[in-house]
Amino acid sequence: MSTEPVTAPGRPPHKTSELTTSELARWRRELEQAITGIAPGAPAQADLRNALAEVDAEEEDRARIAARHA
């Protein structure tokens, strides 16, 4: 594990539904890294996990739409 401090990613400048696919993927990576980089009991964990759940939901919605139009 890295010894460098982990900073929580900031919210993107747009709503989750307005992010491009690459922006959404980048935000997911940032959230996952932040979650694994801080103590499990840290107060920020809940906020990070909620944001990751929001990303999951958006990706699932996009996959459902894509499957309908395939």
Protein backbone atom coordinates (compact mmCIF):
# COMPACT_ATOMS: atom_id res chain seq x y z
CA MET A 1 0.00 0.00 0.00
CA SER A 2 1.23 3.49 -0.78
CA THR A 3 2.40 5.73 2.04
CA GLU A 4 1.19 8.85 0.27
CA PRO A 5 -1.94 10.48 1.74
CA VAL A 6 -5.18 9.73 -0.05
CA THR A 7 -7.48 12.62 -0.84
CA ALA A 8 -11.16 12.16 -1.45
CA PRO A 9 -12.15 12.94 -5.01
CA GLY A 10 -14.27 16.02 -5.52
CA ARG A 11 -17.64 15.80 -7.17
CA PRO A 12 -17.57 16.22 -10.92
CA PRO A 13 -18.74 19.59 -12.25
CA HIS A 14 -21.87 17.99 -13.77
CA LYS A 15 -24.61 15.67 -12.60
CA THR A 16 -23.69 11.98 -12.84
CA SER A 17 -26.12 11.47 -15.72
CA GLU A 18 -24.38 14.23 -17.69
CA LEU A 19 -20.87 12.75 -17.44
CA THR A 20 -19.28 11.17 -20.48
CA THR A 21 -18.43 7.49 -20.27
CA SER A 22 -14.74 8.27 -19.74
CA GLU A 23 -15.52 10.85 -17.04
CA LEU A 24 -17.73 8.32 -15.29
CA ALA A 25 -14.98 5.65 -15.46
CA ARG A 26 -12.37 8.10 -14.15
CA TRP A 27 -14.61 9.12 -11.25
CA ARG A 28 -15.23 5.42 -10.44
CA ARG A 29 -11.46 4.79 -10.28
CA GLU A 30 -10.93 7.83 -8.06
CA LEU A 31 -13.70 6.73 -5.70
CA GLU A 32 -12.43 3.14 -5.53
CA GLN A 33 -8.89 4.33 -4.78
CA ALA A 34 -10.14 6.69 -2.09
CA ILE A 35 -12.25 3.95 -0.49
CA THR A 36 -9.34 1.51 -0.30
CA GLY A 37 -6.93 4.22 0.83
CA ILE A 38 -8.69 5.26 4.03
CA ALA A 39 -9.64 3.43 7.19
CA PRO A 40 -12.86 1.41 6.93
CA GLY A 41 -14.39 3.28 9.86
CA ALA A 42 -13.51 6.75 8.58
CA PRO A 43 -16.52 9.09 8.40
CA ALA A 44 -15.87 9.78 4.72
CA GLN A 45 -16.39 6.09 3.83
CA ALA A 46 -20.18 6.46 3.76
CA ASP A 47 -20.04 9.45 1.42
CA LEU A 48 -17.56 7.71 -0.88
CA ARG A 49 -19.64 4.52 -0.97
CA ASN A 50 -22.81 6.51 -1.70
CA ALA A 51 -21.06 8.28 -4.58
CA LEU A 52 -19.82 4.92 -5.90
CA ALA A 53 -23.36 3.53 -5.69
CA GLU A 54 -24.51 6.51 -7.77
CA VAL A 55 -21.87 5.69 -10.39
CA ASP A 56 -22.94 2.02 -10.36
CA ALA A 57 -26.57 2.98 -10.91
CA GLU A 58 -25.69 5.28 -13.82
CA GLU A 59 -23.56 2.61 -15.47
CA GLU A 60 -26.36 0.06 -15.07
CA ASP A 61 -28.87 2.48 -16.61
CA ARG A 62 -26.58 3.06 -19.58
CA ALA A 63 -26.04 -0.68 -20.05
CA ARG A 64 -29.81 -1.28 -19.97
CA ILE A 65 -30.40 1.44 -22.57
CA ALA A 66 -27.62 0.09 -24.78
CA ALA A 67 -29.03 -3.45 -24.56
CA ARG A 68 -32.48 -2.20 -25.60
CA HIS A 69 -31.02 -0.57 -28.68
CA ALA A 70 -28.73 -3.44 -29.67
